[in-house]
Amino acid sequence: MTCGRAQEFLAQEKVSVKVQADAKKLRFDRDGALALAREAEDLWVARGKSVVHVDLRRDRPSDDALAALLLGPSGNLRAPAVRRGKTLLIGFDPATYARVLG
């Protein structure tokens, strides 16, 4: 559901996508998700109605705390996941997408 809403947002705001991967085919397990997060400086995680921002340059959460934000019940990276430069967005929140991608 949220992947479709994220795609609608990107199309409506005319945000270009350089690389798109199907989360059903390309999966990031715990190690892959943590490696992706280590490349980022800012992490935005939307879960339900709450949004968590972590400044990874300043705050260095433990691997377990970071994995709790990044992984879904399957143990893989939650979708949708968007990387723009050094910013990583996990989940979908329209206001956060507008702030970061707009």
PDB file of N, CA and C in Angstrom:
ATOM      1  N   MET A   1       0.812  -1.196   0.000  1.00  0.00           N
ATOM      2  CA  MET A   1       0.000   0.000   0.000  1.00  0.00           C
ATOM      3  C   MET A   1       0.857   1.262   0.000  1.00  0.00           C
ATOM      4  N   THR A   2       1.778   1.369   0.949  1.00  0.00           N
ATOM      5  CA  THR A   2       2.541   2.606   1.044  1.00  0.00           C
ATOM      6  C   THR A   2       3.477   2.786  -0.140  1.00  0.00           C
ATOM      7  N   CYS A   3       3.935   1.688  -0.748  1.00  0.00           N
ATOM      8  CA  CYS A   3       4.801   1.828  -1.924  1.00  0.00           C
ATOM      9  C   CYS A   3       4.047   2.518  -3.054  1.00  0.00           C
ATOM     10  N   GLY A   4       2.798   2.149  -3.238  1.00  0.00           N
ATOM     11  CA  GLY A   4       1.972   2.782  -4.265  1.00  0.00           C
ATOM     12  C   GLY A   4       1.761   4.252  -3.977  1.00  0.00           C
ATOM     13  N   ARG A   5       1.511   4.590  -2.713  1.00  0.00           N
ATOM     14  CA  ARG A   5       1.328   5.996  -2.354  1.00  0.00           C
ATOM     15  C   ARG A   5       2.623   6.775  -2.546  1.00  0.00           C
ATOM     16  N   ALA A   6       3.748   6.150  -2.259  1.00  0.00           N
ATOM     17  CA  ALA A   6       5.042   6.812  -2.470  1.00  0.00           C
ATOM     18  C   ALA A   6       5.271   7.060  -3.954  1.00  0.00           C
ATOM     19  N   GLN A   7       4.952   6.077  -4.795  1.00  0.00           N
ATOM     20  CA  GLN A   7       5.113   6.245  -6.237  1.00  0.00           C
ATOM     21  C   GLN A   7       4.189   7.344  -6.766  1.00  0.00           C
ATOM     22  N   GLU A   8       2.962   7.400  -6.247  1.00  0.00           N
ATOM     23  CA  GLU A   8       2.039   8.464  -6.649  1.00  0.00           C
ATOM     24  C   GLU A   8       2.595   9.826  -6.272  1.00  0.00           C
ATOM     25  N   PHE A   9       3.148   9.940  -5.062  1.00  0.00           N
ATOM     26  CA  PHE A   9       3.729  11.201  -4.616  1.00  0.00           C
ATOM     27  C   PHE A   9       4.874  11.620  -5.526  1.00  0.00           C
ATOM     28  N   LEU A  10       5.771  10.697  -5.816  1.00  0.00           N
ATOM     29  CA  LEU A  10       6.921  11.011  -6.664  1.00  0.00           C
ATOM     30  C   LEU A  10       6.481  11.452  -8.057  1.00  0.00           C
ATOM     31  N   ALA A  11       5.471  10.792  -8.612  1.00  0.00           N
ATOM     32  CA  ALA A  11       4.967  11.163  -9.941  1.00  0.00           C
ATOM     33  C   ALA A  11       4.291  12.533  -9.894  1.00  0.00           C
ATOM     34  N   GLN A  12       3.490  12.768  -8.868  1.00  0.00           N
ATOM     35  CA  GLN A  12       2.767  14.040  -8.753  1.00  0.00           C
ATOM     36  C   GLN A  12       3.724  15.211  -8.573  1.00  0.00           C
ATOM     37  N   GLU A  13       4.772  15.009  -7.795  1.00  0.00           N
ATOM     38  CA  GLU A  13       5.742  16.077  -7.535  1.00  0.00           C
ATOM     39  C   GLU A  13       6.843  16.132  -8.593  1.00  0.00           C
ATOM     40  N   LYS A  14       6.771  15.244  -9.570  1.00  0.00           N
ATOM     41  CA  LYS A  14       7.742  15.167 -10.663  1.00  0.00           C
ATOM     42  C   LYS A  14       9.179  14.993 -10.158  1.00  0.00           C
ATOM     43  N   VAL A  15       9.310  14.096  -9.180  1.00  0.00           N
ATOM     44  CA  VAL A  15      10.624  13.742  -8.653  1.00  0.00           C
ATOM     45  C   VAL A  15      11.167  12.612  -9.509  1.00  0.00           C
ATOM     46  N   SER A  16      12.331  12.818 -10.094  1.00  0.00           N
ATOM     47  CA  SER A  16      12.888  11.782 -10.963  1.00  0.00           C
ATOM     48  C   SER A  16      13.565  10.699 -10.121  1.00  0.00           C
ATOM     49  N   VAL A  17      13.456   9.484 -10.597  1.00  0.00           N
ATOM     50  CA  VAL A  17      14.032   8.325  -9.920  1.00  0.00           C
ATOM     51  C   VAL A  17      15.123   7.772 -10.821  1.00  0.00           C
ATOM     52  N   LYS A  18      16.339   7.679 -10.292  1.00  0.00           N
ATOM     53  CA  LYS A  18      17.444   7.153 -11.089  1.00  0.00           C
ATOM     54  C   LYS A  18      17.460   5.631 -11.090  1.00  0.00           C
ATOM     55  N   VAL A  19      17.260   5.028  -9.933  1.00  0.00           N
ATOM     56  CA  VAL A  19      17.273   3.574  -9.824  1.00  0.00           C
ATOM     57  C   VAL A  19      16.069   3.159  -8.990  1.00  0.00           C
ATOM     58  N   GLN A  20      15.308   2.209  -9.503  1.00  0.00           N
ATOM     59  CA  GLN A  20      14.163   1.696  -8.777  1.00  0.00           C
ATOM     60  C   GLN A  20      14.280   0.184  -8.736  1.00  0.00           C
ATOM     61  N   ALA A  21      14.078  -0.378  -7.552  1.00  0.00           N
ATOM     62  CA  ALA A  21      14.164  -1.830  -7.385  1.00  0.00           C
ATOM     63  C   ALA A  21      12.877  -2.338  -6.761  1.00  0.00           C
ATOM     64  N   ASP A  22      12.450  -3.497  -7.168  1.00  0.00           N
ATOM     65  CA  ASP A  22      11.266  -4.134  -6.615  1.00  0.00           C
ATOM     66  C   ASP A  22      11.657  -4.816  -5.305  1.00  0.00           C
ATOM     67  N   ALA A  23      11.025  -4.394  -4.203  1.00  0.00           N
ATOM     68  CA  ALA A  23      11.362  -4.937  -2.886  1.00  0.00           C
ATOM     69  C   ALA A  23      11.041  -6.420  -2.770  1.00  0.00           C
ATOM     70  N   LYS A  24      10.198  -6.925  -3.645  1.00  0.00           N
ATOM     71  CA  LYS A  24       9.892  -8.354  -3.614  1.00  0.00           C
ATOM     72  C   LYS A  24      11.006  -9.173  -4.257  1.00  0.00           C
ATOM     73  N   LYS A  25      11.778  -8.537  -5.115  1.00  0.00           N
ATOM     74  CA  LYS A  25      12.847  -9.250  -5.816  1.00  0.00           C
ATOM     75  C   LYS A  25      14.220  -8.967  -5.221  1.00  0.00           C
ATOM     76  N   LEU A  26      14.471  -7.734  -4.814  1.00  0.00           N
ATOM     77  CA  LEU A  26      15.757  -7.350  -4.230  1.00  0.00           C
ATOM     78  C   LEU A  26      15.532  -7.062  -2.754  1.00  0.00           C
ATOM     79  N   ARG A  27      16.007  -7.961  -1.914  1.00  0.00           N
ATOM     80  CA  ARG A  27      15.775  -7.826  -0.480  1.00  0.00           C
ATOM     81  C   ARG A  27      17.073  -7.452   0.235  1.00  0.00           C
ATOM     82  N   PHE A  28      16.932  -6.593   1.220  1.00  0.00           N
ATOM     83  CA  PHE A  28      18.043  -6.217   2.080  1.00  0.00           C
ATOM     84  C   PHE A  28      17.780  -6.842   3.444  1.00  0.00           C
ATOM     85  N   ASP A  29      18.634  -7.780   3.849  1.00  0.00           N
ATOM     86  CA  ASP A  29      18.499  -8.358   5.176  1.00  0.00           C
ATOM     87  C   ASP A  29      19.074  -7.387   6.203  1.00  0.00           C
ATOM     88  N   ARG A  30      19.204  -7.822   7.434  1.00  0.00           N
ATOM     89  CA  ARG A  30      19.689  -6.944   8.508  1.00  0.00           C
ATOM     90  C   ARG A  30      21.034  -6.321   8.161  1.00  0.00           C
ATOM     91  N   ASP A  31      21.987  -7.148   7.718  1.00  0.00           N
ATOM     92  CA  ASP A  31      23.321  -6.623   7.401  1.00  0.00           C
ATOM     93  C   ASP A  31      23.277  -5.634   6.242  1.00  0.00           C
ATOM     94  N   GLY A  32      22.495  -5.937   5.220  1.00  0.00           N
ATOM     95  CA  GLY A  32      22.369  -5.037   4.080  1.00  0.00           C
ATOM     96  C   GLY A  32      21.703  -3.725   4.454  1.00  0.00           C
ATOM     97  N   ALA A  33      20.670  -3.802   5.293  1.00  0.00           N
ATOM     98  CA  ALA A  33      19.975  -2.593   5.735  1.00  0.00           C
ATOM     99  C   ALA A  33      20.888  -1.721   6.594  1.00  0.00           C
ATOM    100  N   LEU A  34      21.647  -2.351   7.484  1.00  0.00           N
ATOM    101  CA  LEU A  34      22.577  -1.586   8.322  1.00  0.00           C
ATOM    102  C   LEU A  34      23.675  -0.947   7.483  1.00  0.00           C
ATOM    103  N   ALA A  35      24.163  -1.653   6.479  1.00  0.00           N
ATOM    104  CA  ALA A  35      25.183  -1.086   5.589  1.00  0.00           C
ATOM    105  C   ALA A  35      24.627   0.118   4.835  1.00  0.00           C
ATOM    106  N   LEU A  36      23.385   0.022   4.380  1.00  0.00           N
ATOM    107  CA  LEU A  36      22.738   1.140   3.688  1.00  0.00           C
ATOM    108  C   LEU A  36      22.615   2.338   4.618  1.00  0.00           C
ATOM    109  N   ALA A  37      22.240   2.104   5.864  1.00  0.00           N
ATOM    110  CA  ALA A  37      22.084   3.195   6.833  1.00  0.00           C
ATOM    111  C   ALA A  37      23.432   3.825   7.183  1.00  0.00           C
ATOM    112  N   ARG A  38      24.483   3.033   7.199  1.00  0.00           N
ATOM    113  CA  ARG A  38      25.809   3.583   7.537  1.00  0.00           C
ATOM    114  C   ARG A  38      26.320   4.548   6.472  1.00  0.00           C
ATOM    115  N   GLU A  39      25.796   4.445   5.255  1.00  0.00           N
ATOM    116  CA  GLU A  39      26.181   5.363   4.186  1.00  0.00           C
ATOM    117  C   GLU A  39      25.438   6.690   4.286  1.00  0.00           C
ATOM    118  N   ALA A  40      24.399   6.740   5.116  1.00  0.00           N
ATOM    119  CA  ALA A  40      23.548   7.927   5.219  1.00  0.00           C
ATOM    120  C   ALA A  40      24.021   8.843   6.346  1.00  0.00           C
ATOM    121  N   GLU A  41      23.627  10.104   6.247  1.00  0.00           N
ATOM    122  CA  GLU A  41      23.867  11.072   7.312  1.00  0.00           C
ATOM    123  C   GLU A  41      22.562  11.400   8.039  1.00  0.00           C
ATOM    124  N   ASP A  42      21.450  11.332   7.319  1.00  0.00           N
ATOM    125  CA  ASP A  42      20.133  11.590   7.901  1.00  0.00           C
ATOM    126  C   ASP A  42      19.240  10.398   7.628  1.00  0.00           C
ATOM    127  N   LEU A  43      18.500   9.983   8.650  1.00  0.00           N
ATOM    128  CA  LEU A  43      17.566   8.874   8.530  1.00  0.00           C
ATOM    129  C   LEU A  43      16.194   9.346   8.979  1.00  0.00           C
ATOM    130  N   TRP A  44      15.209   9.162   8.121  1.00  0.00           N
ATOM    131  CA  TRP A  44      13.813   9.478   8.427  1.00  0.00           C
ATOM    132  C   TRP A  44      13.036   8.176   8.340  1.00  0.00           C
ATOM    133  N   VAL A  45      12.330   7.817   9.417  1.00  0.00           N
ATOM    134  CA  VAL A  45      11.568   6.574   9.452  1.00  0.00           C
ATOM    135  C   VAL A  45      10.119   6.893   9.788  1.00  0.00           C
ATOM    136  N   ALA A  46       9.229   6.551   8.862  1.00  0.00           N
ATOM    137  CA  ALA A  46       7.792   6.721   9.086  1.00  0.00           C
ATOM    138  C   ALA A  46       7.201   5.363   9.421  1.00  0.00           C
ATOM    139  N   ARG A  47       6.505   5.311  10.529  1.00  0.00           N
ATOM    140  CA  ARG A  47       5.831   4.074  10.938  1.00  0.00           C
ATOM    141  C   ARG A  47       4.491   4.488  11.515  1.00  0.00           C
ATOM    142  N   GLY A  48       3.439   4.154  10.771  1.00  0.00           N
ATOM    143  CA  GLY A  48       2.118   4.606  11.191  1.00  0.00           C
ATOM    144  C   GLY A  48       2.039   6.116  11.059  1.00  0.00           C
ATOM    145  N   LYS A  49       1.607   6.778  12.123  1.00  0.00           N
ATOM    146  CA  LYS A  49       1.503   8.242  12.087  1.00  0.00           C
ATOM    147  C   LYS A  49       2.721   8.924  12.689  1.00  0.00           C
ATOM    148  N   SER A  50       3.672   8.140  13.159  1.00  0.00           N
ATOM    149  CA  SER A  50       4.855   8.753  13.767  1.00  0.00           C
ATOM    150  C   SER A  50       6.025   8.741  12.787  1.00  0.00           C
ATOM    151  N   VAL A  51       6.842   9.778  12.901  1.00  0.00           N
ATOM    152  CA  VAL A  51       8.037   9.904  12.069  1.00  0.00           C
ATOM    153  C   VAL A  51       9.212  10.151  13.007  1.00  0.00           C
ATOM    154  N   VAL A  52      10.268   9.381  12.829  1.00  0.00           N
ATOM    155  CA  VAL A  52      11.474   9.510  13.641  1.00  0.00           C
ATOM    156  C   VAL A  52      12.596  10.004  12.739  1.00  0.00           C
ATOM    157  N   HIS A  53      13.308  11.038  13.196  1.00  0.00           N
ATOM    158  CA  HIS A  53      14.477  11.536  12.470  1.00  0.00           C
ATOM    159  C   HIS A  53      15.707  11.255  13.311  1.00  0.00           C
ATOM    160  N   VAL A  54      16.723  10.671  12.680  1.00  0.00           N
ATOM    161  CA  VAL A  54      17.990  10.400  13.351  1.00  0.00           C
ATOM    162  C   VAL A  54      19.086  11.054  12.535  1.00  0.00           C
ATOM    163  N   ASP A  55      19.840  11.951  13.175  1.00  0.00           N
ATOM    164  CA  ASP A  55      20.997  12.573  12.541  1.00  0.00           C
ATOM    165  C   ASP A  55      22.174  11.628  12.776  1.00  0.00           C
ATOM    166  N   LEU A  56      22.506  10.841  11.786  1.00  0.00           N
ATOM    167  CA  LEU A  56      23.522   9.803  11.936  1.00  0.00           C
ATOM    168  C   LEU A  56      24.940  10.354  12.009  1.00  0.00           C
ATOM    169  N   ARG A  57      25.118  11.643  11.707  1.00  0.00           N
ATOM    170  CA  ARG A  57      26.434  12.255  11.881  1.00  0.00           C
ATOM    171  C   ARG A  57      26.700  12.500  13.362  1.00  0.00           C
ATOM    172  N   ARG A  58      25.636  12.822  14.087  1.00  0.00           N
ATOM    173  CA  ARG A  58      25.748  13.170  15.498  1.00  0.00           C
ATOM    174  C   ARG A  58      25.399  11.990  16.406  1.00  0.00           C
ATOM    175  N   ASP A  59      24.288  11.337  16.101  1.00  0.00           N
ATOM    176  CA  ASP A  59      23.808  10.221  16.907  1.00  0.00           C
ATOM    177  C   ASP A  59      24.226   8.913  16.258  1.00  0.00           C
ATOM    178  N   ARG A  60      24.768   8.030  17.034  1.00  0.00           N
ATOM    179  CA  ARG A  60      25.169   6.721  16.517  1.00  0.00           C
ATOM    180  C   ARG A  60      24.431   5.657  17.304  1.00  0.00           C
ATOM    181  N   PRO A  61      23.202   5.332  16.888  1.00  0.00           N
ATOM    182  CA  PRO A  61      22.464   4.296  17.610  1.00  0.00           C
ATOM    183  C   PRO A  61      23.138   2.931  17.438  1.00  0.00           C
ATOM    184  N   SER A  62      22.868   2.055  18.370  1.00  0.00           N
ATOM    185  CA  SER A  62      23.414   0.692  18.283  1.00  0.00           C
ATOM    186  C   SER A  62      22.821  -0.003  17.063  1.00  0.00           C
ATOM    187  N   ASP A  63      23.465  -1.069  16.635  1.00  0.00           N
ATOM    188  CA  ASP A  63      22.953  -1.832  15.497  1.00  0.00           C
ATOM    189  C   ASP A  63      21.535  -2.338  15.770  1.00  0.00           C
ATOM    190  N   ASP A  64      21.282  -2.761  17.007  1.00  0.00           N
ATOM    191  CA  ASP A  64      19.949  -3.267  17.345  1.00  0.00           C
ATOM    192  C   ASP A  64      18.897  -2.159  17.266  1.00  0.00           C
ATOM    193  N   ALA A  65      19.232  -0.968  17.764  1.00  0.00           N
ATOM    194  CA  ALA A  65      18.289   0.158  17.710  1.00  0.00           C
ATOM    195  C   ALA A  65      18.039   0.580  16.266  1.00  0.00           C
ATOM    196  N   LEU A  66      19.087   0.603  15.475  1.00  0.00           N
ATOM    197  CA  LEU A  66      18.960   0.967  14.066  1.00  0.00           C
ATOM    198  C   LEU A  66      18.153  -0.091  13.309  1.00  0.00           C
ATOM    199  N   ALA A  67      18.425  -1.348  13.573  1.00  0.00           N
ATOM    200  CA  ALA A  67      17.693  -2.432  12.912  1.00  0.00           C
ATOM    201  C   ALA A  67      16.205  -2.375  13.263  1.00  0.00           C
ATOM    202  N   ALA A  68      15.876  -1.988  14.486  1.00  0.00           N
ATOM    203  CA  ALA A  68      14.468  -1.879  14.889  1.00  0.00           C
ATOM    204  C   ALA A  68      13.740  -0.836  14.048  1.00  0.00           C
ATOM    205  N   LEU A  69      14.450   0.205  13.636  1.00  0.00           N
ATOM    206  CA  LEU A  69      13.846   1.238  12.791  1.00  0.00           C
ATOM    207  C   LEU A  69      13.745   0.799  11.333  1.00  0.00           C
ATOM    208  N   LEU A  70      14.738   0.059  10.869  1.00  0.00           N
ATOM    209  CA  LEU A  70      14.862  -0.254   9.446  1.00  0.00           C
ATOM    210  C   LEU A  70      14.109  -1.497   8.988  1.00  0.00           C
ATOM    211  N   LEU A  71      13.981  -2.476   9.867  1.00  0.00           N
ATOM    212  CA  LEU A  71      13.482  -3.787   9.452  1.00  0.00           C
ATOM    213  C   LEU A  71      12.003  -3.975   9.761  1.00  0.00           C
ATOM    214  N   GLY A  72      11.354  -4.676   8.857  1.00  0.00           N
ATOM    215  CA  GLY A  72       9.962  -5.037   9.058  1.00  0.00           C
ATOM    216  C   GLY A  72       9.854  -6.389   9.729  1.00  0.00           C
ATOM    217  N   PRO A  73       8.632  -6.919   9.855  1.00  0.00           N
ATOM    218  CA  PRO A  73       8.427  -8.211  10.519  1.00  0.00           C
ATOM    219  C   PRO A  73       9.122  -9.382   9.818  1.00  0.00           C
ATOM    220  N   SER A  74       9.402  -9.235   8.528  1.00  0.00           N
ATOM    221  CA  SER A  74      10.068 -10.309   7.786  1.00  0.00           C
ATOM    222  C   SER A  74      11.564 -10.357   8.058  1.00  0.00           C
ATOM    223  N   GLY A  75      12.095  -9.306   8.726  1.00  0.00           N
ATOM    224  CA  GLY A  75      13.531  -9.229   8.963  1.00  0.00           C
ATOM    225  C   GLY A  75      14.279  -8.554   7.835  1.00  0.00           C
ATOM    226  N   ASN A  76      13.550  -8.038   6.850  1.00  0.00           N
ATOM    227  CA  ASN A  76      14.151  -7.331   5.721  1.00  0.00           C
ATOM    228  C   ASN A  76      13.856  -5.840   5.822  1.00  0.00           C
ATOM    229  N   LEU A  77      14.587  -5.061   5.042  1.00  0.00           N
ATOM    230  CA  LEU A  77      14.399  -3.616   4.997  1.00  0.00           C
ATOM    231  C   LEU A  77      12.950  -3.295   4.659  1.00  0.00           C
ATOM    232  N   ARG A  78      12.359  -2.386   5.432  1.00  0.00           N
ATOM    233  CA  ARG A  78      10.982  -1.984   5.182  1.00  0.00           C
ATOM    234  C   ARG A  78      10.897  -1.204   3.879  1.00  0.00           C
ATOM    235  N   ALA A  79       9.755  -1.334   3.231  1.00  0.00           N
ATOM    236  CA  ALA A  79       9.511  -0.615   1.980  1.00  0.00           C
ATOM    237  C   ALA A  79       8.371   0.367   2.220  1.00  0.00           C
ATOM    238  N   PRO A  80       8.353   1.468   1.517  1.00  0.00           N
ATOM    239  CA  PRO A  80       9.350   1.909   0.555  1.00  0.00           C
ATOM    240  C   PRO A  80      10.582   2.487   1.249  1.00  0.00           C
ATOM    241  N   ALA A  81      11.687   2.367   0.598  1.00  0.00           N
ATOM    242  CA  ALA A  81      12.942   2.943   1.064  1.00  0.00           C
ATOM    243  C   ALA A  81      13.475   3.817  -0.063  1.00  0.00           C
ATOM    244  N   VAL A  82      13.795   5.050   0.277  1.00  0.00           N
ATOM    245  CA  VAL A  82      14.289   6.004  -0.715  1.00  0.00           C
ATOM    246  C   VAL A  82      15.607   6.568  -0.212  1.00  0.00           C
ATOM    247  N   ARG A  83      16.599   6.570  -1.087  1.00  0.00           N
ATOM    248  CA  ARG A  83      17.871   7.204  -0.754  1.00  0.00           C
ATOM    249  C   ARG A  83      18.068   8.379  -1.698  1.00  0.00           C
ATOM    250  N   ARG A  84      18.302   9.538  -1.123  1.00  0.00           N
ATOM    251  CA  ARG A  84      18.612  10.731  -1.913  1.00  0.00           C
ATOM    252  C   ARG A  84      19.859  11.345  -1.315  1.00  0.00           C
ATOM    253  N   GLY A  85      20.941  11.205  -2.035  1.00  0.00           N
ATOM    254  CA  GLY A  85      22.214  11.690  -1.513  1.00  0.00           C
ATOM    255  C   GLY A  85      22.568  10.952  -0.232  1.00  0.00           C
ATOM    256  N   LYS A  86      22.739  11.693   0.837  1.00  0.00           N
ATOM    257  CA  LYS A  86      23.091  11.117   2.137  1.00  0.00           C
ATOM    258  C   LYS A  86      21.881  10.989   3.058  1.00  0.00           C
ATOM    259  N   THR A  87      20.674  11.080   2.483  1.00  0.00           N
ATOM    260  CA  THR A  87      19.442  10.971   3.256  1.00  0.00           C
ATOM    261  C   THR A  87      18.735   9.671   2.899  1.00  0.00           C
ATOM    262  N   LEU A  88      18.269   8.971   3.922  1.00  0.00           N
ATOM    263  CA  LEU A  88      17.557   7.718   3.739  1.00  0.00           C
ATOM    264  C   LEU A  88      16.177   7.850   4.360  1.00  0.00           C
ATOM    265  N   LEU A  89      15.141   7.573   3.562  1.00  0.00           N
ATOM    266  CA  LEU A  89      13.761   7.591   4.037  1.00  0.00           C
ATOM    267  C   LEU A  89      13.239   6.164   4.041  1.00  0.00           C
ATOM    268  N   ILE A  90      12.648   5.762   5.151  1.00  0.00           N
ATOM    269  CA  ILE A  90      12.067   4.431   5.285  1.00  0.00           C
ATOM    270  C   ILE A  90      10.590   4.608   5.606  1.00  0.00           C
ATOM    271  N   GLY A  91       9.734   3.899   4.894  1.00  0.00           N
ATOM    272  CA  GLY A  91       8.301   4.075   5.074  1.00  0.00           C
ATOM    273  C   GLY A  91       7.833   5.288   4.287  1.00  0.00           C
ATOM    274  N   PHE A  92       6.549   5.585   4.379  1.00  0.00           N
ATOM    275  CA  PHE A  92       6.011   6.720   3.627  1.00  0.00           C
ATOM    276  C   PHE A  92       5.215   7.641   4.524  1.00  0.00           C
ATOM    277  N   ASP A  93       5.585   8.917   4.482  1.00  0.00           N
ATOM    278  CA  ASP A  93       4.843   9.991   5.129  1.00  0.00           C
ATOM    279  C   ASP A  93       4.879  11.170   4.171  1.00  0.00           C
ATOM    280  N   PRO A  94       3.718  11.637   3.688  1.00  0.00           N
ATOM    281  CA  PRO A  94       3.703  12.702   2.677  1.00  0.00           C
ATOM    282  C   PRO A  94       4.439  13.974   3.108  1.00  0.00           C
ATOM    283  N   ALA A  95       4.277  14.378   4.352  1.00  0.00           N
ATOM    284  CA  ALA A  95       4.942  15.611   4.815  1.00  0.00           C
ATOM    285  C   ALA A  95       6.461  15.455   4.812  1.00  0.00           C
ATOM    286  N   THR A  96       6.935  14.290   5.226  1.00  0.00           N
ATOM    287  CA  THR A  96       8.379  14.048   5.246  1.00  0.00           C
ATOM    288  C   THR A  96       8.918  13.980   3.822  1.00  0.00           C
ATOM    289  N   TYR A  97       8.209  13.299   2.942  1.00  0.00           N
ATOM    290  CA  TYR A  97       8.636  13.249   1.548  1.00  0.00           C
ATOM    291  C   TYR A  97       8.701  14.657   0.964  1.00  0.00           C
ATOM    292  N   ALA A  98       7.699  15.481   1.255  1.00  0.00           N
ATOM    293  CA  ALA A  98       7.679  16.861   0.726  1.00  0.00           C
ATOM    294  C   ALA A  98       8.865  17.650   1.266  1.00  0.00           C
ATOM    295  N   ARG A  99       9.175  17.479   2.548  1.00  0.00           N
ATOM    296  CA  ARG A  99      10.284  18.212   3.173  1.00  0.00           C
ATOM    297  C   ARG A  99      11.624  17.793   2.586  1.00  0.00           C
ATOM    298  N   VAL A 100      11.835  16.489   2.445  1.00  0.00           N
ATOM    299  CA  VAL A 100      13.139  15.977   2.042  1.00  0.00           C
ATOM    300  C   VAL A 100      13.316  15.970   0.520  1.00  0.00           C
ATOM    301  N   LEU A 101      12.255  15.614  -0.208  1.00  0.00           N
ATOM    302  CA  LEU A 101      12.376  15.451  -1.657  1.00  0.00           C
ATOM    303  C   LEU A 101      11.861  16.657  -2.454  1.00  0.00           C
ATOM    304  N   GLY A 102      11.078  17.469  -1.808  1.00  0.00           N
ATOM    305  CA  GLY A 102      10.441  18.583  -2.512  1.00  0.00           C
ATOM    306  C   GLY A 102      11.308  19.747  -2.787  1.00  0.00           C
TER     307      GLY A 102
END
